[in-house]
């Protein structure tokens, strides 16, 4: 089933074009990897999927994005959209709270006060990001005491606690060591059972490891999109081959 449909999407910052006439579809419960050099529009596209770009005053958007057939601009209110579409950023951004309270923050905002239900949400979310066993004995300690990789998995857990349907990742492993990166990638693969995920990464090898399909962006345009194995072995466009081979970017 198609989860996200993008049709004729264009994004500008003042007079500078970030995305030009982008059309693509994302299937339910797939991991779509998005690769491309810097300033190719990857993050601008990602931030538009939950309308974060609207926080940038000089950003203008045209075109359509539909989630389950409903326009995210006209038919889904902003609060509902932000609940449905969670995002994990490049740098871990834990709240200045305990590990437990970081996860419980969103559910509490939605009105959940039952302690046993909050306990269940926290445990389930931490287990989904492969963090629970590492922190179960110190849930009431500061999230800032965690390592960088653990903080990033905490941020994934915090996103999951809001029960989204889609998870966006903007370079989630850019500052992590290989071991932490492997744990985040393991969590992504496991989350595919229940979530649609879109991963923006400058690490082409990461896209090759975790993405079902991969899209290659260049200078604001979609060059090609397709099965990840095919993309990395026999891409249709020479520019894709050149980028994956490291000839530019």
Protein backbone atom coordinates (compact mmCIF):
# COMPACT_ATOMS: atom_id res chain seq x y z
CA UNK A 1 0.00 0.00 0.00
CA UNK A 2 1.11 3.55 -0.74
CA UNK A 3 1.61 5.52 2.48
CA UNK A 4 2.96 8.83 1.14
CA UNK A 5 2.35 10.40 -2.26
CA UNK A 6 4.37 13.43 -3.34
CA UNK A 7 3.27 15.21 -6.52
CA UNK A 8 4.90 18.23 -8.15
CA UNK A 9 6.59 19.40 -4.95
CA UNK A 10 8.78 22.48 -5.24
CA UNK A 11 10.48 24.32 -2.36
CA UNK A 12 12.20 27.72 -2.37
CA UNK A 13 14.09 29.79 0.16
CA UNK A 14 13.59 33.33 -1.11
CA UNK A 15 14.67 32.95 -4.76
CA UNK A 16 16.82 29.85 -4.23
CA UNK A 17 15.29 26.55 -5.34
CA UNK A 18 15.78 23.66 -2.91
CA UNK A 19 13.45 21.11 -4.53
CA UNK A 20 12.19 21.22 -8.10
CA UNK A 21 9.00 19.42 -9.20
CA UNK A 22 9.49 16.30 -7.08
CA UNK A 23 7.11 13.36 -7.44
CA UNK A 24 7.48 10.01 -5.69
CA UNK A 25 5.64 7.49 -3.55
CA UNK A 26 6.60 5.76 -0.32
CA UNK A 27 5.09 2.39 0.49
CA UNK A 28 3.74 1.43 3.89
CA UNK A 29 6.34 -0.13 6.23
CA UNK A 30 9.28 0.35 3.89
CA UNK A 31 12.56 2.11 4.58
CA UNK A 32 13.25 4.67 1.88
CA UNK A 33 16.82 5.90 1.82
CA UNK A 34 17.59 9.31 0.35
CA UNK A 35 21.15 9.99 -0.74
CA UNK A 36 22.87 12.86 -2.52
CA UNK A 37 25.54 15.51 -1.98
CA UNK A 38 25.07 18.50 0.30
CA UNK A 39 22.55 21.10 -0.86
CA UNK A 40 20.65 18.59 -2.97
CA UNK A 41 17.36 19.18 -1.13
CA UNK A 42 17.26 16.05 1.03
CA UNK A 43 16.63 17.76 4.38
CA UNK A 44 14.24 20.32 2.87
CA UNK A 45 12.13 17.48 1.55
CA UNK A 46 12.22 15.65 4.86
CA UNK A 47 11.19 18.71 6.89
CA UNK A 48 8.28 19.37 4.54
CA UNK A 49 6.78 15.95 5.30
CA UNK A 50 5.74 17.16 8.76
CA UNK A 51 5.66 20.85 7.80
CA UNK A 52 8.67 21.90 9.84
CA UNK A 53 9.68 24.11 6.92
CA UNK A 54 6.80 26.39 7.81
CA UNK A 55 8.88 27.57 10.77
CA UNK A 56 11.30 29.13 8.25
CA UNK A 57 9.84 32.49 7.23
CA UNK A 58 11.43 32.67 3.78
CA UNK A 59 10.39 29.17 2.75
CA UNK A 60 7.76 28.75 0.04
CA UNK A 61 6.22 25.42 -0.98
CA UNK A 62 4.11 24.37 -3.95
CA UNK A 63 2.72 20.98 -4.89
CA UNK A 64 1.00 18.25 -2.95
CA UNK A 65 1.87 15.67 -0.31
CA UNK A 66 -0.70 13.11 0.75
CA UNK A 67 -0.61 10.77 3.73
CA UNK A 68 -3.00 7.84 3.27
CA UNK A 69 -4.70 9.82 0.52
CA UNK A 70 -5.20 12.97 2.60
CA UNK A 71 -3.43 16.26 1.92
CA UNK A 72 -1.04 17.19 4.75
CA UNK A 73 -1.62 20.85 3.85
CA UNK A 74 -5.42 20.88 3.57
CA UNK A 75 -6.94 17.82 5.26
CA UNK A 76 -4.69 17.00 8.25
CA UNK A 77 -4.28 19.59 10.98
CA UNK A 78 -0.74 20.41 12.07
CA UNK A 79 -0.89 18.82 15.54
CA UNK A 80 -2.25 15.58 14.13
CA UNK A 81 0.40 15.58 11.41
CA UNK A 82 3.25 16.06 13.90
CA UNK A 83 1.91 13.11 15.91
CA UNK A 84 1.67 10.91 12.81
CA UNK A 85 5.09 11.91 11.44
CA UNK A 86 7.96 11.90 13.93
CA UNK A 87 11.48 13.08 13.17
CA UNK A 88 14.91 12.20 14.54
CA UNK A 89 17.61 14.80 13.89
CA UNK A 90 21.32 14.50 13.22
CA UNK A 91 22.36 15.54 16.71
CA UNK A 92 20.68 13.88 19.70
CA UNK A 93 18.49 16.39 21.51
CA UNK A 94 17.38 14.86 24.82
CA UNK A 95 15.30 17.01 27.11
CA UNK A 96 16.95 18.18 30.38
CA UNK A 97 15.01 15.50 32.23
CA UNK A 98 15.46 11.92 33.37
CA UNK A 99 15.52 9.06 30.88
CA UNK A 100 12.01 8.09 32.00
CA UNK A 101 10.62 11.61 31.73
CA UNK A 102 12.08 12.08 28.25
CA UNK A 103 9.95 9.19 27.01
CA UNK A 104 6.88 10.04 29.08
CA UNK A 105 6.91 13.71 28.04
CA UNK A 106 4.82 13.30 24.89
CA UNK A 107 2.21 10.95 26.35
CA UNK A 108 1.81 13.28 29.34
CA UNK A 109 1.24 16.22 26.99
CA UNK A 110 -1.55 14.19 25.40
CA UNK A 111 -3.14 13.79 28.84
CA UNK A 112 -1.89 10.38 29.95
CA UNK A 113 -1.55 10.38 33.75
CA UNK A 114 -1.83 6.70 34.62
CA UNK A 115 1.54 5.63 36.05
CA UNK A 116 1.27 1.99 35.01
CA UNK A 117 0.37 2.99 31.44
CA UNK A 118 3.29 5.43 31.32
CA UNK A 119 5.60 2.69 32.64
CA UNK A 120 4.44 0.43 29.82
CA UNK A 121 4.95 3.11 27.17
CA UNK A 122 8.45 3.87 28.44
CA UNK A 123 9.50 0.22 28.52
CA UNK A 124 8.00 -0.58 25.13
CA UNK A 125 9.59 2.47 23.48
CA UNK A 126 13.03 1.80 24.97
CA UNK A 127 12.89 -1.85 23.95
CA UNK A 128 11.99 -0.88 20.39
CA UNK A 129 15.18 1.17 20.12
CA UNK A 130 17.31 -1.54 21.76
CA UNK A 131 18.05 0.71 24.73
CA UNK A 132 15.99 -0.74 27.58
CA UNK A 133 18.50 -3.35 28.77
CA UNK A 134 21.21 -0.69 28.95
CA UNK A 135 19.23 1.80 31.05
CA UNK A 136 16.52 -0.15 32.91
CA UNK A 137 18.31 0.27 36.24
CA UNK A 138 18.80 4.03 35.91
CA UNK A 139 15.61 5.37 34.36
CA UNK A 140 15.46 8.21 36.88
CA UNK A 141 18.93 9.52 36.07
CA UNK A 142 19.61 12.40 33.68
CA UNK A 143 19.43 11.65 29.98
CA UNK A 144 22.59 13.71 29.60
CA UNK A 145 24.53 10.93 31.34
CA UNK A 146 24.00 8.68 28.33
CA UNK A 147 26.56 8.30 25.55
CA UNK A 148 25.93 9.98 22.20
CA UNK A 149 24.68 6.75 20.65
CA UNK A 150 22.42 6.05 23.60
CA UNK A 151 21.04 9.59 23.45
CA UNK A 152 20.18 9.10 19.78
CA UNK A 153 18.35 5.86 20.55
CA UNK A 154 16.60 7.70 23.40
CA UNK A 155 15.39 10.26 20.86
CA UNK A 156 14.05 7.43 18.71
CA UNK A 157 12.29 6.03 21.79
CA UNK A 158 10.81 9.45 22.54
CA UNK A 159 9.47 9.62 19.00
CA UNK A 160 7.96 6.13 19.28
CA UNK A 161 6.19 7.04 22.53
CA UNK A 162 4.00 9.42 20.52
CA UNK A 163 2.77 6.47 18.43
CA UNK A 164 3.62 7.85 14.98
CA UNK A 165 3.01 6.00 11.74
CA UNK A 166 6.04 7.47 9.96
CA UNK A 167 9.56 8.10 11.28
CA UNK A 168 11.90 10.52 9.51
CA UNK A 169 15.65 10.41 10.11
CA UNK A 170 17.90 13.32 9.16
CA UNK A 171 21.48 11.99 9.27
CA UNK A 172 20.81 10.18 12.57
CA UNK A 173 24.25 8.55 12.74
CA UNK A 174 26.45 11.37 11.47
CA UNK A 175 28.09 11.90 14.86
CA UNK A 176 28.09 8.31 16.09
CA UNK A 177 30.80 5.67 16.28
CA UNK A 178 30.44 2.44 14.25
CA UNK A 179 29.08 0.40 17.17
CA UNK A 180 26.40 2.98 18.00
CA UNK A 181 25.57 3.32 14.31
CA UNK A 182 25.06 -0.44 14.05
CA UNK A 183 22.63 -0.37 16.99
CA UNK A 184 20.61 2.47 15.46
CA UNK A 185 20.48 0.61 12.14
CA UNK A 186 19.38 -2.56 13.90
CA UNK A 187 16.54 -0.62 15.51
CA UNK A 188 15.50 0.77 12.10
CA UNK A 189 15.33 -2.69 10.56
CA UNK A 190 13.25 -4.01 13.44
CA UNK A 191 10.91 -0.99 13.40
CA UNK A 192 10.07 -1.75 9.76
CA UNK A 193 7.53 -4.28 11.03
CA UNK A 194 5.29 -1.46 12.23
CA UNK A 195 6.49 1.85 10.78
CA UNK A 196 7.16 3.58 7.50
CA UNK A 197 10.65 5.14 7.65
CA UNK A 198 12.53 7.66 5.53
CA UNK A 199 16.28 7.95 6.06
CA UNK A 200 18.29 10.90 4.76
CA UNK A 201 21.97 10.01 4.85
CA UNK A 202 25.25 11.15 3.32
CA UNK A 203 26.60 7.68 4.06
CA UNK A 204 25.78 5.67 0.94
CA UNK A 205 26.87 2.46 2.67
CA UNK A 206 24.27 3.05 5.35
CA UNK A 207 21.54 3.38 2.73
CA UNK A 208 22.80 0.15 1.13
CA UNK A 209 22.58 -1.63 4.49
CA UNK A 210 19.12 -0.59 5.67
CA UNK A 211 17.00 0.87 2.85
CA UNK A 212 14.51 -1.18 0.82
CA UNK A 213 14.52 1.47 -1.88
CA UNK A 214 16.83 4.41 -2.42
CA UNK A 215 16.30 7.82 -4.02
CA UNK A 216 19.18 9.88 -5.38
CA UNK A 217 18.76 13.66 -5.18
CA UNK A 218 21.02 16.08 -7.05
CA UNK A 219 20.68 19.88 -7.06
CA UNK A 220 17.09 19.72 -5.94
CA UNK A 221 15.96 17.11 -8.44
CA UNK A 222 15.18 13.41 -8.13
CA UNK A 223 17.62 11.68 -10.48
CA UNK A 224 16.29 8.17 -9.87
CA UNK A 225 14.57 5.99 -7.31
CA UNK A 226 14.40 2.23 -7.11
CA UNK A 227 15.34 -1.00 -5.39
CA UNK A 228 18.43 -0.42 -3.28
CA UNK A 229 20.33 -3.48 -4.51
CA UNK A 230 19.79 -2.48 -8.12
CA UNK A 231 20.64 1.14 -7.39
CA UNK A 232 23.99 0.18 -5.92
CA UNK A 233 24.91 -2.43 -8.53
CA UNK A 234 23.44 -1.15 -11.79
CA UNK A 235 21.96 2.35 -11.49
CA UNK A 236 20.04 3.70 -14.45
CA UNK A 237 21.71 7.12 -14.50
CA UNK A 238 25.46 7.71 -14.84
CA UNK A 239 25.26 10.53 -12.27
CA UNK A 240 24.00 8.06 -9.69
CA UNK A 241 26.83 5.67 -10.51
CA UNK A 242 29.37 8.48 -10.27
CA UNK A 243 28.05 9.60 -6.87
CA UNK A 244 27.93 6.09 -5.38
CA UNK A 245 31.42 5.41 -6.69
CA UNK A 246 32.69 8.58 -4.99
CA UNK A 247 33.61 10.44 -8.17
CA UNK A 248 31.89 13.54 -6.78
CA UNK A 249 29.96 14.62 -3.71
